Protein backbone atom coordinates (compact mmCIF):
# COMPACT_ATOMS: atom_id res chain seq x y z
CA MET A 1 220.20 62.71 109.32
CA ILE A 2 220.44 66.47 108.86
CA ARG A 3 223.88 67.96 108.44
CA SER A 4 225.77 70.67 106.51
CA VAL A 5 226.37 70.38 102.83
CA GLN A 6 229.58 68.74 101.81
CA PRO A 7 231.32 68.65 98.54
CA GLN A 8 230.08 65.13 97.78
CA ASP A 9 226.49 66.44 98.06
CA ILE A 10 226.67 68.70 95.11
CA ALA A 11 225.61 66.17 92.45
CA SER A 12 222.60 65.26 94.49
CA ILE A 13 221.35 68.76 95.29
CA THR A 14 222.09 69.81 91.60
CA SER A 15 219.76 66.95 90.53
CA ILE A 16 216.96 67.78 93.01
CA TYR A 17 217.08 71.52 91.89
CA ASN A 18 217.25 70.78 88.23
CA TYR A 19 213.95 68.75 88.53
CA TYR A 20 212.26 71.84 89.74
CA ILE A 21 213.76 73.97 87.01
CA GLU A 22 212.53 71.67 84.31
CA HIS A 23 209.26 70.60 85.64
CA THR A 24 207.80 73.29 87.93
CA ALA A 25 207.44 77.04 88.36
CA VAL A 26 208.84 76.79 91.89
CA THR A 27 212.02 78.45 90.72
CA PHE A 28 212.17 81.09 88.04
CA GLU A 29 215.30 79.64 86.56
CA GLU A 30 214.48 78.20 83.15
CA SER A 31 217.78 76.44 82.25
CA VAL A 32 219.26 73.58 84.22
CA ILE A 33 222.47 74.33 86.02
CA ASP A 34 225.50 72.22 86.31
CA GLU A 35 227.50 70.89 89.32
CA GLN A 36 230.04 73.62 88.96
CA GLU A 37 227.43 76.33 89.17
CA MET A 38 225.79 74.71 92.19
CA ASN A 39 229.09 74.35 93.90
CA GLN A 40 229.84 78.05 93.42
CA ARG A 41 226.47 78.93 94.88
CA VAL A 42 227.14 76.93 97.88
CA ASN A 43 230.66 78.36 98.31
CA ASN A 44 229.38 81.86 97.96
CA TYR A 45 227.31 81.54 101.18
CA SER A 46 228.03 78.42 103.18
CA GLU A 47 230.85 80.04 105.10
CA SER A 48 228.49 82.43 106.90
CA LEU A 49 224.95 81.01 106.30
CA PRO A 50 223.74 77.36 106.72
CA TRP A 51 223.27 75.08 103.78
CA LEU A 52 221.90 71.77 104.98
CA VAL A 53 220.94 68.44 103.57
CA PHE A 54 218.70 65.72 104.71
CA GLU A 55 220.34 62.40 104.20
CA GLU A 56 218.55 58.99 104.41
CA ASN A 57 220.26 55.66 103.62
CA LYS A 58 223.40 57.60 102.55
CA GLN A 59 221.35 59.46 100.01
CA VAL A 60 220.69 63.16 99.98
CA ILE A 61 216.89 63.67 99.49
CA ALA A 62 216.46 67.32 100.34
CA TYR A 63 218.42 70.47 100.94
CA ALA A 64 217.58 73.83 102.63
CA TYR A 65 219.63 77.05 102.76
CA ALA A 66 219.78 80.80 103.50
CA THR A 67 221.13 83.62 101.51
CA PRO A 68 221.38 87.37 102.30
CA TRP A 69 218.02 89.12 101.79
CA LYS A 70 219.61 92.25 100.17
CA GLY A 71 223.09 93.69 100.02
CA ARG A 72 222.76 96.90 102.01
CA SER A 73 224.20 96.73 105.57
CA ALA A 74 220.87 97.52 107.39
CA TYR A 75 219.47 94.14 106.06
CA ARG A 76 222.32 92.16 107.66
CA PHE A 77 219.98 90.46 110.10
CA SER A 78 217.55 89.33 107.35
CA VAL A 79 217.78 86.30 105.16
CA GLU A 80 215.95 84.61 102.44
CA THR A 81 215.27 80.93 103.13
CA SER A 82 214.76 78.11 100.55
CA ILE A 83 214.03 74.39 100.64
CA TYR A 84 213.85 71.66 97.94
CA VAL A 85 212.84 68.09 98.59
CA ASP A 86 213.26 65.27 96.03
CA GLN A 87 209.90 64.87 94.23
CA SER A 88 209.81 61.24 95.41
CA ALA A 89 210.30 62.10 99.11
CA HIS A 90 207.34 64.52 99.71
CA LYS A 91 204.82 64.17 102.61
CA ASN A 92 207.24 62.29 104.83
CA GLY A 93 208.00 65.08 107.27
CA ILE A 94 211.43 65.62 105.81
CA GLY A 95 210.68 69.21 104.79
CA THR A 96 209.48 70.11 108.30
CA ALA A 97 212.47 68.51 110.01
CA LEU A 98 215.04 70.12 107.62
CA TYR A 99 213.49 73.67 107.65
CA THR A 100 213.13 73.57 111.51
CA SER A 101 216.80 72.79 111.61
CA LEU A 102 217.53 75.60 109.25
CA ILE A 103 215.51 77.97 111.29
CA GLU A 104 217.18 76.88 114.61
CA ARG A 105 220.69 77.51 113.11
CA LEU A 106 219.68 80.92 111.90
CA LYS A 107 218.26 81.74 115.30
CA ALA A 108 221.57 80.65 116.91
CA GLN A 109 223.39 82.91 114.54
CA ASN A 110 221.20 85.82 115.67
CA TYR A 111 219.29 86.46 112.49
CA HIS A 112 216.05 88.42 113.02
CA ALA A 113 213.83 88.13 110.02
CA LEU A 114 213.45 84.94 107.73
CA ILE A 115 211.78 85.53 104.38
CA GLY A 116 210.47 82.81 102.09
CA GLY A 117 209.41 83.59 98.57
CA ILE A 118 206.77 81.24 97.08
CA THR A 119 205.71 81.03 93.48
CA LEU A 120 201.96 80.88 93.48
CA PRO A 121 199.98 78.66 93.64
CA ASN A 122 201.97 76.23 95.84
CA GLU A 123 199.88 74.87 98.65
CA ALA A 124 202.54 72.53 100.04
CA SER A 125 205.06 75.33 100.47
CA ILE A 126 202.49 77.62 101.99
CA ARG A 127 201.46 74.93 104.38
CA LEU A 128 205.05 74.17 105.41
CA HIS A 129 205.94 77.95 106.03
CA GLU A 130 202.71 78.59 107.93
CA LYS A 131 203.17 75.47 110.01
CA LEU A 132 206.53 76.79 111.13
CA GLY A 133 205.20 80.19 112.07
CA PHE A 134 205.75 82.19 108.80
CA GLU A 135 203.04 84.78 107.92
CA LYS A 136 202.13 86.00 104.53
CA ILE A 137 203.33 89.64 104.18
CA GLY A 138 202.75 90.36 100.53
CA GLU A 139 202.28 89.28 96.99
CA PHE A 140 203.79 90.53 93.71
CA LYS A 141 201.51 89.96 90.74
CA GLU A 142 202.80 88.57 87.51
CA VAL A 143 206.44 89.06 88.18
CA GLY A 144 207.73 86.01 86.52
CA PHE A 145 206.91 84.34 83.20
CA LYS A 146 207.50 80.67 83.01
CA PHE A 147 205.88 77.80 80.97
CA GLY A 148 203.98 80.38 79.03
CA GLU A 149 202.16 81.90 82.07
CA TRP A 150 202.58 84.98 84.26
CA ARG A 151 203.40 83.88 87.82
CA ASN A 152 202.78 85.68 91.20
CA VAL A 153 205.16 85.40 94.04
CA GLY A 154 204.02 85.66 97.58
CA TYR A 155 206.36 86.43 100.58
CA TRP A 156 206.17 84.77 103.96
CA GLN A 157 208.10 86.12 106.87
CA LEU A 158 209.13 84.75 110.30
CA ILE A 159 210.51 87.07 112.96
CA LEU A 160 212.64 85.16 115.41
CA PRO A 161 211.29 86.15 118.83
CA ASN A 162 214.49 85.91 120.86
CA ASN A 163 216.44 88.17 118.54
CA LYS A 164 214.45 91.40 118.97
CA ASN A 165 216.39 93.23 121.59
CA GLN A 166 220.01 92.65 120.55
CA SER A 167 222.76 95.22 121.19
CA PHE A 168 224.47 96.03 117.90
């Protein structure tokens, strides 16, 4: 089941995210966060942007969300999207279903450009983004340093086709 994040989900999504902080370069955060910090992040954006969870057998096993791309007003129709799937639940179609739902909700909210930043290499994330229509638009070399290595970040973008000719 895919649904909006609720307060009781904070512990689960914090745990999922902290795994990525501690064991991967997927996120450039280097110190685990606590539930209070995650709750604040959710509350900062979930009033206006979707934060979704994938729940199976009453357990949250993935979450996806959008945040503003930049703060300047001309960027108001662009968002950055993110998804995190519990390490034990990969390759079950969960990421595709959850990210598709996120995209549909953003489309319904009249967002125009969705941007996903991917620490490279990350073939699974690249496959997911490209499967859903995102195209690689650029790459920054050696912009992050984690686990003793310089890391590149690629950016993939999806322009939502029905949102091009809006009246503003």
